Amino acid sequence: QVQLVESGGGLVQAGGSLRLSCVFSGRTFSSYAMGWFRQVPGKEREFVAAVSWSGGGTYYADSVKGRFAISRDIAKNTVYLQMNSLKPEDTAVYYCNGDWGGPIAPLYPRLNWGQGTQVTVSS
């Protein structure tokens, strides 16, 4: 079984930055394309960003393109989301997930969801 643990969320002002982390365990991390998703209470979870198994390819939702950057550290079994120029509409619970062998544009989440990490952006 795969376990995903997200961290790094918090409360920031609009225009600020946060760096989220997701630690992966239970399977071979390097075999998975990884991505970030977010969800607002009462709304459907939406795709945010993904990175290929090698780390050489990325894909972003239009809403975050140019502001967010996804990366991964294979040795640490960790995927990151650097969030810059944050907007109030970025407020959500952020989750990571992965897919073995599928595309990243967008990534299809095939793993069990973790608890997520709350990001709140004030005006």
C-alpha atoms as a PDB file:
ATOM      1  CA  GLN A   1       0.000   0.000   0.000  1.00  0.00           C
ATOM      2  CA  VAL A   2       1.105   3.534  -0.783  1.00  0.00           C
ATOM      3  CA  GLN A   3       0.998   6.219   1.864  1.00  0.00           C
ATOM      4  CA  LEU A   4       1.039   9.903   0.954  1.00  0.00           C
ATOM      5  CA  VAL A   5       1.696  12.600   3.546  1.00  0.00           C
ATOM      6  CA  GLU A   6       1.312  16.236   2.551  1.00  0.00           C
ATOM      7  CA  SER A   7       2.696  19.176   4.501  1.00  0.00           C
ATOM      8  CA  GLY A   8       3.704  22.813   4.153  1.00  0.00           C
ATOM      9  CA  GLY A   9       0.349  24.535   3.960  1.00  0.00           C
ATOM     10  CA  GLY A  10      -0.564  27.606   5.942  1.00  0.00           C
ATOM     11  CA  LEU A  11      -2.064  31.072   5.937  1.00  0.00           C
ATOM     12  CA  VAL A  12      -0.475  33.656   3.648  1.00  0.00           C
ATOM     13  CA  GLN A  13      -1.351  37.011   2.155  1.00  0.00           C
ATOM     14  CA  ALA A  14      -2.148  37.400  -1.520  1.00  0.00           C
ATOM     15  CA  GLY A  15       1.070  37.615  -3.484  1.00  0.00           C
ATOM     16  CA  GLY A  16       2.938  35.453  -1.024  1.00  0.00           C
ATOM     17  CA  SER A  17       4.537  32.051  -1.442  1.00  0.00           C
ATOM     18  CA  LEU A  18       4.382  28.568   0.039  1.00  0.00           C
ATOM     19  CA  ARG A  19       6.256  25.345  -0.644  1.00  0.00           C
ATOM     20  CA  LEU A  20       4.268  22.141  -0.219  1.00  0.00           C
ATOM     21  CA  SER A  21       5.817  18.714   0.262  1.00  0.00           C
ATOM     22  CA  CYS A  22       4.453  15.220  -0.257  1.00  0.00           C
ATOM     23  CA  VAL A  23       6.292  12.179   1.067  1.00  0.00           C
ATOM     24  CA  PHE A  24       5.605   8.870  -0.692  1.00  0.00           C
ATOM     25  CA  SER A  25       6.080   5.442   0.861  1.00  0.00           C
ATOM     26  CA  GLY A  26       5.096   1.829   0.268  1.00  0.00           C
ATOM     27  CA  ARG A  27       6.017   1.482  -3.415  1.00  0.00           C
ATOM     28  CA  THR A  28       8.816   2.416  -5.782  1.00  0.00           C
ATOM     29  CA  PHE A  29       8.505   6.184  -5.936  1.00  0.00           C
ATOM     30  CA  SER A  30      10.606   6.582  -9.064  1.00  0.00           C
ATOM     31  CA  SER A  31       8.122   4.476 -11.055  1.00  0.00           C
ATOM     32  CA  TYR A  32       5.279   6.947 -10.520  1.00  0.00           C
ATOM     33  CA  ALA A  33       4.385  10.161 -12.190  1.00  0.00           C
ATOM     34  CA  MET A  34       3.270  12.451  -9.367  1.00  0.00           C
ATOM     35  CA  GLY A  35       0.896  15.352  -9.147  1.00  0.00           C
ATOM     36  CA  TRP A  36      -0.925  17.840  -6.986  1.00  0.00           C
ATOM     37  CA  PHE A  37      -4.666  18.330  -6.702  1.00  0.00           C
ATOM     38  CA  ARG A  38      -6.776  20.710  -4.652  1.00  0.00           C
ATOM     39  CA  GLN A  39     -10.287  20.798  -3.287  1.00  0.00           C
ATOM     40  CA  VAL A  40     -12.558  23.476  -1.841  1.00  0.00           C
ATOM     41  CA  PRO A  41     -15.310  22.267   0.530  1.00  0.00           C
ATOM     42  CA  GLY A  42     -18.432  21.489  -1.463  1.00  0.00           C
ATOM     43  CA  LYS A  43     -16.551  21.455  -4.766  1.00  0.00           C
ATOM     44  CA  GLU A  44     -14.934  18.713  -6.812  1.00  0.00           C
ATOM     45  CA  ARG A  45     -11.246  18.013  -6.498  1.00  0.00           C
ATOM     46  CA  GLU A  46      -9.287  19.561  -9.375  1.00  0.00           C
ATOM     47  CA  PHE A  47      -5.935  18.891 -10.970  1.00  0.00           C
ATOM     48  CA  VAL A  48      -3.168  21.423 -10.337  1.00  0.00           C
ATOM     49  CA  ALA A  49       0.189  20.137 -11.585  1.00  0.00           C
ATOM     50  CA  ALA A  50       2.110  16.969 -12.416  1.00  0.00           C
ATOM     51  CA  VAL A  51       5.693  15.841 -12.950  1.00  0.00           C
ATOM     52  CA  SER A  52       6.871  12.795 -14.880  1.00  0.00           C
ATOM     53  CA  TRP A  53       8.548   9.783 -13.275  1.00  0.00           C
ATOM     54  CA  SER A  54      11.947  11.108 -14.367  1.00  0.00           C
ATOM     55  CA  GLY A  55      11.266  14.687 -13.312  1.00  0.00           C
ATOM     56  CA  GLY A  56      11.961  15.861 -16.844  1.00  0.00           C
ATOM     57  CA  GLY A  57       8.418  16.759 -17.816  1.00  0.00           C
ATOM     58  CA  THR A  58       5.775  18.905 -16.140  1.00  0.00           C
ATOM     59  CA  TYR A  59       2.202  19.901 -16.802  1.00  0.00           C
ATOM     60  CA  TYR A  60       0.080  22.600 -15.142  1.00  0.00           C
ATOM     61  CA  ALA A  61      -3.531  23.625 -14.976  1.00  0.00           C
ATOM     62  CA  ASP A  62      -4.132  26.943 -16.718  1.00  0.00           C
ATOM     63  CA  SER A  63      -5.146  28.550 -13.437  1.00  0.00           C
ATOM     64  CA  VAL A  64      -1.677  28.097 -11.913  1.00  0.00           C
ATOM     65  CA  LYS A  65       0.575  28.173 -14.973  1.00  0.00           C
ATOM     66  CA  GLY A  66       3.416  30.622 -14.511  1.00  0.00           C
ATOM     67  CA  ARG A  67       2.903  30.846 -10.755  1.00  0.00           C
ATOM     68  CA  PHE A  68       3.402  27.297  -9.459  1.00  0.00           C
ATOM     69  CA  ALA A  69       6.287  24.906 -10.041  1.00  0.00           C
ATOM     70  CA  ILE A  70       6.279  21.179  -9.373  1.00  0.00           C
ATOM     71  CA  SER A  71       9.435  19.164  -8.788  1.00  0.00           C
ATOM     72  CA  ARG A  72      10.564  15.918  -7.215  1.00  0.00           C
ATOM     73  CA  ASP A  73      13.498  14.533  -5.282  1.00  0.00           C
ATOM     74  CA  ILE A  74      13.810  10.831  -6.063  1.00  0.00           C
ATOM     75  CA  ALA A  75      16.280  10.177  -3.250  1.00  0.00           C
ATOM     76  CA  LYS A  76      13.878  11.657  -0.681  1.00  0.00           C
ATOM     77  CA  ASN A  77      10.697  10.099  -2.126  1.00  0.00           C
ATOM     78  CA  THR A  78       9.242  13.593  -2.126  1.00  0.00           C
ATOM     79  CA  VAL A  79       7.341  15.775  -4.569  1.00  0.00           C
ATOM     80  CA  TYR A  80       7.137  19.535  -4.065  1.00  0.00           C
ATOM     81  CA  LEU A  81       4.860  22.325  -5.161  1.00  0.00           C
ATOM     82  CA  GLN A  82       6.373  25.798  -5.080  1.00  0.00           C
ATOM     83  CA  MET A  83       3.489  28.252  -5.018  1.00  0.00           C
ATOM     84  CA  ASN A  84       4.236  31.876  -5.871  1.00  0.00           C
ATOM     85  CA  SER A  85       2.033  34.924  -6.438  1.00  0.00           C
ATOM     86  CA  LEU A  86      -0.735  33.263  -4.477  1.00  0.00           C
ATOM     87  CA  LYS A  87      -4.307  34.421  -4.980  1.00  0.00           C
ATOM     88  CA  PRO A  88      -7.362  34.044  -2.725  1.00  0.00           C
ATOM     89  CA  GLU A  89      -8.819  31.610  -5.258  1.00  0.00           C
ATOM     90  CA  ASP A  90      -5.877  29.285  -4.554  1.00  0.00           C
ATOM     91  CA  THR A  91      -7.361  28.639  -1.111  1.00  0.00           C
ATOM     92  CA  ALA A  92      -8.042  24.901  -0.834  1.00  0.00           C
ATOM     93  CA  VAL A  93      -6.869  21.654   0.667  1.00  0.00           C
ATOM     94  CA  TYR A  94      -3.973  20.397  -1.439  1.00  0.00           C
ATOM     95  CA  TYR A  95      -3.381  16.702  -2.044  1.00  0.00           C
ATOM     96  CA  CYS A  96      -0.772  14.724  -3.915  1.00  0.00           C
ATOM     97  CA  ASN A  97      -1.282  11.538  -5.875  1.00  0.00           C
ATOM     98  CA  GLY A  98       0.393   9.363  -8.483  1.00  0.00           C
ATOM     99  CA  ASP A  99      -0.016   7.191 -11.547  1.00  0.00           C
ATOM    100  CA  TRP A 100       2.138   4.345 -12.813  1.00  0.00           C
ATOM    101  CA  GLY A 101       2.538   4.540 -16.563  1.00  0.00           C
ATOM    102  CA  GLY A 102      -0.176   7.010 -17.505  1.00  0.00           C
ATOM    103  CA  PRO A 103       0.015  10.514 -18.926  1.00  0.00           C
ATOM    104  CA  ILE A 104       0.612  13.638 -16.853  1.00  0.00           C
ATOM    105  CA  ALA A 105      -1.466  15.992 -18.992  1.00  0.00           C
ATOM    106  CA  PRO A 106      -3.380  15.763 -16.737  1.00  0.00           C
ATOM    107  CA  LEU A 107      -2.376  13.104 -14.247  1.00  0.00           C
ATOM    108  CA  TYR A 108      -4.976  10.509 -13.316  1.00  0.00           C
ATOM    109  CA  PRO A 109      -4.903   9.840  -9.551  1.00  0.00           C
ATOM    110  CA  ARG A 110      -4.688   6.091  -8.925  1.00  0.00           C
ATOM    111  CA  LEU A 111      -3.519   6.037  -5.316  1.00  0.00           C
ATOM    112  CA  ASN A 112      -5.342   6.403  -2.031  1.00  0.00           C
ATOM    113  CA  TRP A 113      -5.686  10.019  -0.954  1.00  0.00           C
ATOM    114  CA  GLY A 114      -3.791  11.359   2.022  1.00  0.00           C
ATOM    115  CA  GLN A 115      -5.079  13.916   4.508  1.00  0.00           C
ATOM    116  CA  GLY A 116      -3.982  16.902   2.438  1.00  0.00           C
ATOM    117  CA  THR A 117      -2.618  20.222   3.636  1.00  0.00           C
ATOM    118  CA  GLN A 118      -4.647  23.411   3.981  1.00  0.00           C
ATOM    119  CA  VAL A 119      -3.623  26.507   2.038  1.00  0.00           C
ATOM    120  CA  THR A 120      -5.424  29.737   2.871  1.00  0.00           C
ATOM    121  CA  VAL A 121      -4.696  32.954   0.980  1.00  0.00           C
ATOM    122  CA  SER A 122      -6.070  36.194   2.384  1.00  0.00           C
ATOM    123  CA  SER A 123      -6.794  39.337   0.381  1.00  0.00           C
END
